[in-house]
C-alpha atoms as a PDB file:
ATOM      1  CA  MET A   1      29.194  -4.027  29.472  1.00  0.00           C
ATOM      2  CA  VAL A   2      28.637  -1.864  26.670  1.00  0.00           C
ATOM      3  CA  SER A   3      28.921   1.711  26.485  1.00  0.00           C
ATOM      4  CA  GLU A   4      26.139   4.221  26.303  1.00  0.00           C
ATOM      5  CA  ASN A   5      27.250   5.678  22.625  1.00  0.00           C
ATOM      6  CA  LEU A   6      27.031   2.606  21.154  1.00  0.00           C
ATOM      7  CA  LYS A   7      23.998   2.002  22.435  1.00  0.00           C
ATOM      8  CA  ASN A   8      22.412   5.262  21.261  1.00  0.00           C
ATOM      9  CA  ALA A   9      24.131   4.263  17.798  1.00  0.00           C
ATOM     10  CA  LEU A  10      22.317   1.027  17.455  1.00  0.00           C
ATOM     11  CA  ARG A  11      18.720   2.899  18.845  1.00  0.00           C
ATOM     12  CA  ILE A  12      19.073   5.555  15.886  1.00  0.00           C
ATOM     13  CA  THR A  13      19.598   3.131  13.305  1.00  0.00           C
ATOM     14  CA  THR A  14      17.242   0.704  14.535  1.00  0.00           C
ATOM     15  CA  GLY A  15      15.258   3.899  14.290  1.00  0.00           C
ATOM     16  CA  PHE A  16      16.515   5.439  10.904  1.00  0.00           C
ATOM     17  CA  VAL A  17      16.417   1.158   9.644  1.00  0.00           C
ATOM     18  CA  GLU A  18      11.809   0.610  11.119  1.00  0.00           C
ATOM     19  CA  ILE A  19      11.196   3.744   9.315  1.00  0.00           C
ATOM     20  CA  PHE A  20      12.957   3.055   6.017  1.00  0.00           C
ATOM     21  CA  PHE A  21      10.185  -0.298   6.119  1.00  0.00           C
ATOM     22  CA  ILE A  22       7.030   1.333   7.362  1.00  0.00           C
ATOM     23  CA  CYS A  23       7.656   4.560   5.271  1.00  0.00           C
ATOM     24  CA  GLY A  24       7.728   2.614   2.195  1.00  0.00           C
ATOM     25  CA  LEU A  25       5.270   0.729   2.822  1.00  0.00           C
ATOM     26  CA  VAL A  26       2.846   3.697   4.068  1.00  0.00           C
ATOM     27  CA  TYR A  27       3.683   5.183   1.189  1.00  0.00           C
ATOM     28  CA  GLY A  28       4.453   2.951  -1.505  1.00  0.00           C
ATOM     29  CA  TRP A  29       1.004   1.888  -0.876  1.00  0.00           C
ATOM     30  CA  GLY A  30      -0.874   4.281  -3.446  1.00  0.00           C
ATOM     31  CA  ALA A  31       2.256   3.563  -6.311  1.00  0.00           C
ATOM     32  CA  PHE A  32       1.200  -0.243  -5.412  1.00  0.00           C
ATOM     33  CA  ASP A  33      -2.787   0.706  -5.008  1.00  0.00           C
ATOM     34  CA  TYR A  34      -3.032   1.958  -9.498  1.00  0.00           C
ATOM     35  CA  ILE A  35      -0.158  -1.205 -10.172  1.00  0.00           C
ATOM     36  CA  LEU A  36      -2.971  -3.996  -8.971  1.00  0.00           C
ATOM     37  CA  LYS A  37      -5.794  -2.210 -10.378  1.00  0.00           C
ATOM     38  CA  GLU A  38      -3.611  -1.838 -13.898  1.00  0.00           C
ATOM     39  CA  GLU A  39      -2.778  -5.509 -13.413  1.00  0.00           C
ATOM     40  CA  SER A  40      -6.983  -5.880 -12.998  1.00  0.00           C
ATOM     41  CA  VAL A  41      -6.632  -7.766 -10.343  1.00  0.00           C
ATOM     42  CA  TYR A  42     -10.005  -8.075  -8.763  1.00  0.00           C
ATOM     43  CA  GLN A  43     -11.632  -7.431 -11.819  1.00  0.00           C
ATOM     44  CA  GLU A  44     -14.448  -8.971 -11.638  1.00  0.00           C
ATOM     45  CA  LEU A  45     -16.102  -7.284  -8.424  1.00  0.00           C
ATOM     46  CA  CYS A  46     -16.282  -4.141 -10.458  1.00  0.00           C
ATOM     47  CA  GLU A  47     -18.837  -3.717 -12.879  1.00  0.00           C
ATOM     48  CA  GLU A  48     -18.705  -1.572 -16.033  1.00  0.00           C
ATOM     49  CA  LYS A  49     -21.022   0.955 -17.521  1.00  0.00           C
ATOM     50  CA  SER A  50     -20.997   2.195 -21.374  1.00  0.00           C
ATOM     51  CA  GLU A  51     -22.858   5.797 -21.153  1.00  0.00           C
ATOM     52  CA  SER A  52     -22.184   6.950 -25.316  1.00  0.00           C
ATOM     53  CA  GLY A  53     -19.035   4.684 -25.902  1.00  0.00           C
ATOM     54  CA  ASN A  54     -17.426   5.648 -22.711  1.00  0.00           C
ATOM     55  CA  VAL A  55     -17.022   3.120 -20.105  1.00  0.00           C
ATOM     56  CA  THR A  56     -16.639   3.929 -17.093  1.00  0.00           C
ATOM     57  CA  VAL A  57     -16.204   1.449 -14.158  1.00  0.00           C
ATOM     58  CA  ASN A  58     -17.482   0.563 -10.650  1.00  0.00           C
ATOM     59  CA  CYS A  59     -15.330  -0.569  -8.450  1.00  0.00           C
ATOM     60  CA  GLU A  60     -15.941  -0.301  -5.016  1.00  0.00           C
ATOM     61  CA  ALA A  61     -15.392  -3.969  -3.803  1.00  0.00           C
ATOM     62  CA  GLN A  62     -12.808  -4.105  -5.461  1.00  0.00           C
ATOM     63  CA  ASP A  63     -11.477  -0.426  -3.513  1.00  0.00           C
ATOM     64  CA  THR A  64     -12.794  -2.545  -0.425  1.00  0.00           C
ATOM     65  CA  ILE A  65     -10.948  -5.643  -0.929  1.00  0.00           C
ATOM     66  CA  TYR A  66      -7.778  -3.034  -1.196  1.00  0.00           C
ATOM     67  CA  VAL A  67      -8.316  -1.315   1.759  1.00  0.00           C
ATOM     68  CA  SER A  68      -9.239  -4.359   3.831  1.00  0.00           C
ATOM     69  CA  PHE A  69      -5.864  -5.967   2.294  1.00  0.00           C
ATOM     70  CA  PHE A  70      -3.999  -2.592   3.748  1.00  0.00           C
ATOM     71  CA  LEU A  71      -5.520  -3.225   6.646  1.00  0.00           C
ATOM     72  CA  ILE A  72      -3.729  -6.094   7.678  1.00  0.00           C
ATOM     73  CA  ILE A  73      -0.489  -5.547   6.517  1.00  0.00           C
END
């Protein structure tokens, strides 16, 4: 039979492991989203507008794909 102290230690350990992996995904998403945009993933969905030499990009479709990807994960 497994002792109560060992059960508690396993619960705490698995809790820390779960928090490590889940929070890494949630809090790391902002950086991952930035990297995807820098690498021009789904860039073909964006619309470019030129205004006096400045190029602004409307990427609502790209952001929608990223949000959908985050929700699936």
